Amino acid sequence: MTVAIADHAFAERCAGRLRRDPPGFAEPRADLKGDHALDPASWGAMPSAEPRRAAVLVPVIDRPAGPTILLTERSASLRSHSGQIAFPGGRIDPEDATPVDAALREAEEEVALPRRFVRPLGYLDAYLSGTNFFVLPVVGLVRPEAPMAPNPDEVADLFEVPLAFLMNGANHALHEREWGGRLRRYYAIPFGDRYIWGVTAGILRNMYERLYADG
């Protein structure tokens, strides 16, 4: 499905379709998005332990030529998920008043994006990762003049992908790979020489389903 996206209509669409409040882990688990949803047999039983909470910013930049989504390539020196494509984000700290505050703080730390340039629009559905992180994605509209620079300790590179490309379901593929002795299925969205997959692609797929899948 090809989606025509006008930047002036994006915030209005989000206002009608995004969550105003962050979803909680105690909500009905049958509807919980995450790694388990694509292949329940490989996942096994859902974890009984309370997951660790994290927040990511889905930064939609209001470019004159059309909105884009900012993504990062994680530093090769990081202990986990090194070199992978990600959103700015991380664990929710006790001093973070809300998941929005956590997402904006992490964006400042990782890509030097000042929060005054970001207009939070709402939450996507939470995503439960295979490492038992309950990830709360915050969609934020970023002004095009916002200054940004990667923190080399965490981020190797920054790049933008047109929102219209990412919100086109024809660009989403289900891939498989062996991981931990099991064959796992996951969403992937290849873009040039970038391979967007795993939690990041899963969140983008959920964004497509919430905002654009029904036209």
Protein backbone atom coordinates (compact mmCIF):
# COMPACT_ATOMS: atom_id res chain seq x y z
CA MET A 1 0.00 0.00 0.00
CA THR A 2 1.43 3.39 -1.02
CA VAL A 3 0.64 6.26 1.32
CA ALA A 4 0.68 9.90 0.30
CA ILE A 5 1.81 11.85 3.36
CA ALA A 6 1.56 15.61 3.69
CA ASP A 7 3.57 17.12 6.52
CA HIS A 8 0.82 19.58 7.44
CA ALA A 9 -1.61 16.69 8.03
CA PHE A 10 0.69 14.48 10.10
CA ALA A 11 0.08 16.11 13.49
CA GLU A 12 -3.67 16.10 12.86
CA ARG A 13 -3.63 12.40 12.02
CA CYS A 14 -1.61 11.65 15.14
CA ALA A 15 -4.02 13.63 17.31
CA GLY A 16 -6.81 11.25 16.38
CA ARG A 17 -4.88 7.97 16.49
CA LEU A 18 -2.05 8.09 19.02
CA ARG A 19 -2.46 7.33 22.70
CA ARG A 20 -2.60 10.33 25.01
CA ASP A 21 -1.36 8.33 28.00
CA PRO A 22 1.38 5.70 28.13
CA PRO A 23 0.12 2.11 27.96
CA GLY A 24 0.72 -0.04 31.01
CA PHE A 25 2.07 -3.57 31.19
CA ALA A 26 -1.01 -4.66 33.13
CA GLU A 27 -3.26 -4.04 30.12
CA PRO A 28 -4.69 -7.15 28.39
CA ARG A 29 -1.67 -9.10 27.19
CA ALA A 30 -3.47 -10.59 24.21
CA ASP A 31 -3.05 -7.22 22.49
CA LEU A 32 0.54 -6.59 23.58
CA LYS A 33 2.89 -5.85 20.68
CA GLY A 34 6.35 -7.33 20.64
CA ASP A 35 8.79 -9.98 19.49
CA HIS A 36 6.49 -12.71 20.80
CA ALA A 37 3.59 -11.68 18.54
CA LEU A 38 5.29 -12.79 15.31
CA ASP A 39 6.22 -16.27 16.46
CA PRO A 40 4.60 -17.37 19.74
CA ALA A 41 5.95 -20.93 19.41
CA SER A 42 9.56 -19.78 19.32
CA TRP A 43 9.03 -17.24 22.08
CA GLY A 44 7.59 -19.68 24.59
CA ALA A 45 5.77 -18.47 27.69
CA MET A 46 5.63 -14.72 28.22
CA PRO A 47 7.93 -13.59 31.04
CA SER A 48 6.30 -13.46 34.46
CA ALA A 49 8.86 -10.99 35.80
CA GLU A 50 8.02 -7.31 35.56
CA PRO A 51 9.81 -5.98 32.48
CA ARG A 52 12.29 -3.13 32.57
CA ARG A 53 10.72 0.07 31.27
CA ALA A 54 12.28 2.08 28.47
CA ALA A 55 11.23 4.96 26.24
CA VAL A 56 12.28 5.90 22.73
CA LEU A 57 11.65 9.01 20.69
CA VAL A 58 10.29 8.50 17.17
CA PRO A 59 11.52 11.84 15.77
CA VAL A 60 9.52 12.99 12.76
CA ILE A 61 11.34 15.95 11.21
CA ASP A 62 9.09 18.45 9.48
CA ARG A 63 11.22 18.89 6.33
CA PRO A 64 9.98 21.23 3.57
CA ALA A 65 10.26 18.41 1.01
CA GLY A 66 8.27 16.06 3.22
CA PRO A 67 8.57 14.60 6.72
CA THR A 68 11.37 12.21 7.58
CA ILE A 69 12.14 9.97 10.55
CA LEU A 70 15.51 10.31 12.24
CA LEU A 71 17.29 7.04 13.06
CA THR A 72 20.65 6.27 14.64
CA GLU A 73 23.30 3.66 14.04
CA ARG A 74 24.50 2.48 17.42
CA SER A 75 28.21 2.64 18.18
CA ALA A 76 30.22 -0.52 17.55
CA SER A 77 31.74 -0.14 21.03
CA LEU A 78 28.44 -0.64 22.87
CA ARG A 79 28.04 -3.92 24.76
CA SER A 80 24.52 -4.61 23.48
CA HIS A 81 22.97 -4.16 20.04
CA SER A 82 26.13 -2.56 18.68
CA GLY A 83 25.90 -1.37 15.09
CA GLN A 84 22.12 -1.77 14.94
CA ILE A 85 19.65 0.84 13.73
CA ALA A 86 17.67 2.39 16.57
CA PHE A 87 15.61 5.30 17.80
CA PRO A 88 17.10 7.62 20.40
CA GLY A 89 16.09 6.17 23.74
CA GLY A 90 16.86 4.03 26.74
CA ARG A 91 15.80 3.07 30.23
CA ILE A 92 13.33 5.23 32.13
CA ASP A 93 15.19 6.61 35.15
CA PRO A 94 13.57 7.40 38.53
CA GLU A 95 14.05 11.13 37.95
CA ASP A 96 12.05 11.01 34.68
CA ALA A 97 8.58 12.34 35.45
CA THR A 98 7.03 10.63 32.40
CA PRO A 99 8.13 8.41 29.51
CA VAL A 100 8.07 11.58 27.36
CA ASP A 101 10.68 13.13 29.67
CA ALA A 102 12.80 9.98 29.40
CA ALA A 103 12.60 9.94 25.59
CA LEU A 104 13.51 13.63 25.33
CA ARG A 105 16.38 13.25 27.82
CA GLU A 106 17.81 10.30 25.89
CA ALA A 107 17.52 12.23 22.61
CA GLU A 108 19.50 15.08 24.16
CA GLU A 109 22.15 12.66 25.42
CA GLU A 110 22.47 10.60 22.23
CA VAL A 111 21.99 13.10 19.40
CA ALA A 112 22.14 16.51 21.17
CA LEU A 113 18.54 17.27 20.16
CA PRO A 114 17.28 20.11 22.42
CA ARG A 115 13.83 19.30 23.73
CA ARG A 116 12.53 22.78 22.91
CA PHE A 117 12.63 21.78 19.21
CA VAL A 118 10.39 18.73 19.77
CA ARG A 119 6.60 18.72 19.99
CA PRO A 120 5.44 15.42 21.54
CA LEU A 121 2.33 14.14 19.75
CA GLY A 122 1.50 10.99 21.73
CA TYR A 123 2.37 7.36 22.31
CA LEU A 124 2.38 4.37 20.03
CA ASP A 125 1.52 0.95 21.45
CA ALA A 126 4.16 -0.38 23.81
CA TYR A 127 6.58 -3.00 22.49
CA LEU A 128 7.84 -5.92 24.58
CA SER A 129 11.32 -6.94 23.43
CA GLY A 130 12.90 -10.36 23.61
CA THR A 131 15.22 -9.01 26.32
CA ASN A 132 12.16 -8.15 28.47
CA PHE A 133 12.16 -4.40 27.94
CA PHE A 134 8.73 -2.74 27.87
CA VAL A 135 9.43 0.00 25.34
CA LEU A 136 7.19 3.07 25.20
CA PRO A 137 7.56 4.88 21.83
CA VAL A 138 6.87 8.64 21.88
CA VAL A 139 6.16 10.26 18.53
CA GLY A 140 7.56 13.77 18.38
CA LEU A 141 7.43 16.39 15.62
CA VAL A 142 10.88 17.98 15.26
CA ARG A 143 11.41 21.43 13.78
CA PRO A 144 13.69 21.28 10.72
CA GLU A 145 16.16 23.82 12.13
CA ALA A 146 16.85 21.67 15.20
CA PRO A 147 20.59 21.17 15.80
CA MET A 148 21.74 17.56 16.17
CA ALA A 149 25.05 15.74 16.50
CA PRO A 150 25.81 12.13 17.45
CA ASN A 151 27.33 11.35 20.84
CA PRO A 152 30.28 9.18 19.70
CA ASP A 153 30.13 7.08 22.87
CA GLU A 154 26.68 5.83 21.86
CA VAL A 155 25.94 6.74 18.25
CA ALA A 156 28.09 6.10 15.17
CA ASP A 157 25.85 7.88 12.69
CA LEU A 158 22.55 9.70 12.16
CA PHE A 159 20.40 9.42 9.06
CA GLU A 160 16.87 10.23 7.91
CA VAL A 161 14.36 8.11 6.02
CA PRO A 162 11.28 9.60 4.30
CA LEU A 163 8.17 8.99 6.38
CA ALA A 164 6.32 7.98 3.21
CA PHE A 165 8.82 5.16 2.63
CA LEU A 166 8.58 3.83 6.18
CA MET A 167 4.78 4.07 6.24
CA ASN A 168 4.43 2.08 3.02
CA GLY A 169 3.53 -1.47 4.00
CA ALA A 170 5.04 -2.80 0.76
CA ASN A 171 8.48 -1.92 2.18
CA HIS A 172 7.99 -4.11 5.27
CA ALA A 173 9.22 -7.70 5.10
CA LEU A 174 9.15 -10.63 7.48
CA HIS A 175 12.62 -12.14 7.78
CA GLU A 176 13.98 -15.10 9.74
CA ARG A 177 17.28 -15.91 11.38
CA GLU A 178 18.57 -18.39 13.92
CA TRP A 179 19.07 -16.79 17.30
CA GLY A 180 19.70 -18.61 20.57
CA GLY A 181 19.21 -21.97 18.88
CA ARG A 182 15.76 -21.02 17.57
CA LEU A 183 14.47 -19.69 14.28
CA ARG A 184 13.07 -16.23 15.00
CA ARG A 185 10.83 -14.10 12.78
CA TYR A 186 11.03 -10.32 12.76
CA TYR A 187 10.13 -7.32 10.65
CA ALA A 188 12.80 -5.72 8.47
CA ILE A 189 12.69 -2.54 6.40
CA PRO A 190 15.77 -2.36 4.15
CA PHE A 191 16.60 1.17 3.02
CA GLY A 192 19.55 1.44 0.65
CA ASP A 193 22.53 0.00 2.52
CA ARG A 194 20.71 0.37 5.87
CA TYR A 195 19.07 -2.68 7.41
CA ILE A 196 16.33 -1.61 9.81
CA TRP A 197 15.12 -4.63 11.76
CA GLY A 198 14.09 -6.04 15.11
CA VAL A 199 12.50 -3.76 17.70
CA THR A 200 13.02 -0.64 15.57
CA ALA A 201 11.29 -2.15 12.54
CA GLY A 202 8.60 -3.63 14.81
CA ILE A 203 7.81 -0.20 16.25
CA LEU A 204 7.70 1.30 12.75
CA ARG A 205 5.33 -1.48 11.67
CA ASN A 206 3.10 -0.72 14.66
CA MET A 207 3.21 2.97 13.74
CA TYR A 208 2.08 2.12 10.21
CA GLU A 209 -0.77 -0.03 11.51
CA ARG A 210 -1.99 2.61 13.95
CA LEU A 211 -1.68 5.63 11.66
CA TYR A 212 -1.98 4.49 8.04
CA ALA A 213 -2.97 0.86 7.47
CA ASP A 214 -6.68 1.63 7.14
CA GLY A 215 -6.16 4.64 4.90
